[in-house]
Amino acid sequence: MSALDRIVAEVLGVEETRIDDSTGAATTADWSSLRHVQIIAAVGREFGVRLTPRQARSCRSVGDLRTLLVEKGLPA
């Protein structure tokens, strides 16, 4: 599993094996608006990036986050 998967699993309090690119608010009951903010903050700390509010809102799944990190040249 990737660092991103680990972060999301930790914040959501689930096993890493339950995390894939489709994991997000629409597919996971544990992904609330508060958890979303916590995930964005944890990703920022782990990868040393700061996401704009627009970027944070546009990331609705692990796949969206992964794409954004790759676009920033980071291994996700």
Protein backbone atom coordinates (compact mmCIF):
# COMPACT_ATOMS: atom_id res chain seq x y z
CA MET A 1 0.00 0.00 0.00
CA SER A 2 1.06 3.55 -0.59
CA ALA A 3 1.63 6.31 1.93
CA LEU A 4 -1.60 7.92 0.73
CA ASP A 5 -3.57 4.73 1.37
CA ARG A 6 -2.04 4.47 4.83
CA ILE A 7 -2.95 8.07 5.68
CA VAL A 8 -6.54 7.69 4.56
CA ALA A 9 -6.93 4.38 6.41
CA GLU A 10 -5.54 5.91 9.61
CA VAL A 11 -7.82 8.95 9.46
CA LEU A 12 -10.89 6.85 8.66
CA GLY A 13 -9.96 4.18 11.21
CA VAL A 14 -10.21 1.32 8.72
CA GLU A 15 -7.87 -1.36 7.39
CA GLU A 16 -5.59 -0.29 4.53
CA THR A 17 -6.98 -3.16 2.47
CA ARG A 18 -10.32 -1.30 2.33
CA ILE A 19 -8.70 1.70 0.62
CA ASP A 20 -8.57 2.05 -3.16
CA ASP A 21 -8.88 4.89 -5.65
CA SER A 22 -12.68 4.83 -5.44
CA THR A 23 -12.68 5.37 -1.67
CA GLY A 24 -14.31 8.70 -0.95
CA ALA A 25 -17.28 10.46 0.60
CA ALA A 26 -19.68 8.96 -1.94
CA THR A 27 -18.55 5.38 -1.31
CA THR A 28 -17.46 5.33 2.31
CA ALA A 29 -19.73 6.17 5.25
CA ASP A 30 -16.71 6.96 7.44
CA TRP A 31 -15.60 9.77 5.07
CA SER A 32 -17.40 12.78 6.60
CA SER A 33 -16.66 16.44 5.98
CA LEU A 34 -14.57 16.53 9.16
CA ARG A 35 -12.62 13.45 8.07
CA HIS A 36 -12.09 15.07 4.67
CA VAL A 37 -10.42 18.07 6.31
CA GLN A 38 -8.32 15.73 8.45
CA ILE A 39 -7.26 13.73 5.38
CA ILE A 40 -6.27 16.90 3.49
CA ALA A 41 -4.26 18.13 6.50
CA ALA A 42 -2.53 14.76 6.95
CA VAL A 43 -1.67 14.57 3.24
CA GLY A 44 -0.20 18.07 3.46
CA ARG A 45 1.98 17.10 6.41
CA GLU A 46 3.11 13.78 4.94
CA PHE A 47 3.94 15.07 1.47
CA GLY A 48 4.96 18.62 2.37
CA VAL A 49 2.33 20.21 0.15
CA ARG A 50 -0.29 22.83 0.70
CA LEU A 51 -3.53 22.36 -1.17
CA THR A 52 -5.63 25.37 -2.05
CA PRO A 53 -9.21 25.34 -0.79
CA ARG A 54 -10.34 24.70 -4.38
CA GLN A 55 -8.00 21.72 -4.72
CA ALA A 56 -9.15 20.34 -1.36
CA ARG A 57 -12.81 20.59 -2.40
CA SER A 58 -12.16 19.00 -5.78
CA CYS A 59 -10.56 15.90 -4.22
CA ARG A 60 -13.55 13.68 -3.58
CA SER A 61 -11.73 10.35 -3.51
CA VAL A 62 -8.37 8.74 -2.94
CA GLY A 63 -7.94 8.61 -6.72
CA ASP A 64 -8.46 12.37 -6.96
CA LEU A 65 -5.87 12.94 -4.24
CA ARG A 66 -3.44 10.55 -5.93
CA THR A 67 -3.84 12.37 -9.27
CA LEU A 68 -3.25 15.74 -7.64
CA LEU A 69 -0.10 14.52 -5.88
CA VAL A 70 1.25 13.01 -9.11
CA GLU A 71 0.57 16.31 -10.90
CA LYS A 72 2.69 17.99 -8.21
CA GLY A 73 5.49 15.53 -8.97
CA LEU A 74 5.06 13.50 -5.79
CA PRO A 75 4.97 9.73 -5.48
CA ALA A 76 1.48 8.75 -4.45
